[in-house]
């Protein structure tokens, strides 16, 4: 039996592009296709920031992802569901 997920998973892929090798997929809760962002990013850090801005995620203290630039050390949430990050192809 499959494990039921209760959060949003952001997957960062490394591609073969030279200047902007990172792209982002967002796997929401429930059945349905993954959402792929059109932008590519130069660093994994900026890919995380772009995903948080796209989701309009906030911290538990209420800082928005679109304005608040620092992503480390905080738990991020979108409509009460946690946002987790996974990097593939380092």
Protein backbone atom coordinates (compact mmCIF):
# COMPACT_ATOMS: atom_id res chain seq x y z
CA UNK A 1 0.00 0.00 0.00
CA UNK A 2 1.32 3.41 -0.92
CA UNK A 3 2.27 5.87 1.75
CA UNK A 4 -0.06 8.87 1.95
CA UNK A 5 1.80 12.16 1.71
CA UNK A 6 0.55 15.22 3.53
CA UNK A 7 2.95 17.82 2.16
CA UNK A 8 4.21 19.46 -0.99
CA UNK A 9 7.47 18.14 -2.46
CA UNK A 10 9.76 20.40 -4.49
CA UNK A 11 12.23 18.44 -6.64
CA UNK A 12 15.30 20.22 -8.01
CA UNK A 13 16.93 18.54 -11.02
CA UNK A 14 20.37 19.21 -12.47
CA UNK A 15 20.31 19.23 -16.27
CA UNK A 16 23.09 19.45 -18.86
CA UNK A 17 22.68 23.17 -19.54
CA UNK A 18 25.89 25.05 -18.89
CA UNK A 19 24.86 28.43 -17.46
CA UNK A 20 21.54 27.59 -15.76
CA UNK A 21 21.54 23.85 -15.05
CA UNK A 22 18.80 23.58 -12.40
CA UNK A 23 15.08 23.15 -13.00
CA UNK A 24 12.19 22.68 -10.57
CA UNK A 25 9.20 20.33 -10.41
CA UNK A 26 6.50 20.73 -7.77
CA UNK A 27 4.59 17.64 -6.66
CA UNK A 28 1.45 18.74 -4.86
CA UNK A 29 -0.81 16.73 -2.62
CA UNK A 30 -3.17 14.28 -4.27
CA UNK A 31 -3.31 12.73 -7.71
CA UNK A 32 -2.36 14.78 -10.68
CA UNK A 33 0.65 15.72 -12.74
CA UNK A 34 3.72 17.45 -11.38
CA UNK A 35 3.99 21.14 -12.11
CA UNK A 36 7.21 22.10 -13.92
CA UNK A 37 8.43 25.68 -13.69
CA UNK A 38 9.56 27.18 -17.00
CA UNK A 39 12.49 29.03 -15.46
CA UNK A 40 15.92 27.47 -15.07
CA UNK A 41 18.25 28.51 -12.29
CA UNK A 42 22.01 28.90 -11.87
CA UNK A 43 22.17 27.52 -8.30
CA UNK A 44 20.06 25.18 -6.15
CA UNK A 45 19.55 28.03 -3.66
CA UNK A 46 17.91 30.23 -6.29
CA UNK A 47 15.82 27.27 -7.47
CA UNK A 48 14.46 26.88 -3.92
CA UNK A 49 13.71 30.59 -3.74
CA UNK A 50 11.93 30.47 -7.10
CA UNK A 51 9.79 27.53 -5.96
CA UNK A 52 8.86 29.29 -2.71
CA UNK A 53 7.89 32.42 -4.60
CA UNK A 54 5.83 30.40 -7.06
CA UNK A 55 4.01 28.59 -4.24
CA UNK A 56 3.63 31.80 -2.21
CA UNK A 57 4.79 29.77 0.77
CA UNK A 58 5.29 31.25 4.24
CA UNK A 59 7.31 30.32 7.31
CA UNK A 60 5.68 29.27 10.56
CA UNK A 61 6.26 32.89 11.70
CA UNK A 62 4.41 34.20 8.65
CA UNK A 63 7.31 35.51 6.55
CA UNK A 64 6.37 35.24 2.86
CA UNK A 65 8.66 33.40 0.43
CA UNK A 66 8.32 36.14 -2.19
CA UNK A 67 9.77 38.86 0.04
CA UNK A 68 11.86 37.01 2.62
CA UNK A 69 15.16 36.08 0.91
CA UNK A 70 16.77 33.73 3.45
CA UNK A 71 15.57 30.12 3.10
CA UNK A 72 17.84 28.23 5.49
CA UNK A 73 16.77 27.14 8.95
CA UNK A 74 13.04 27.66 8.46
CA UNK A 75 10.11 25.34 7.92
CA UNK A 76 8.03 26.44 4.94
CA UNK A 77 4.27 25.95 4.58
CA UNK A 78 1.67 26.40 1.85
CA UNK A 79 -1.91 26.50 3.16
CA UNK A 80 -0.88 24.64 6.32
CA UNK A 81 0.96 21.85 4.44
CA UNK A 82 4.74 21.56 4.80
CA UNK A 83 6.99 22.14 1.80
CA UNK A 84 9.98 19.78 1.52
CA UNK A 85 12.92 19.96 -0.88
CA UNK A 86 14.69 17.14 -2.69
CA UNK A 87 17.69 17.54 -5.01
CA UNK A 88 18.29 14.99 -7.78
CA UNK A 89 21.48 14.71 -9.83
CA UNK A 90 23.91 16.76 -7.77
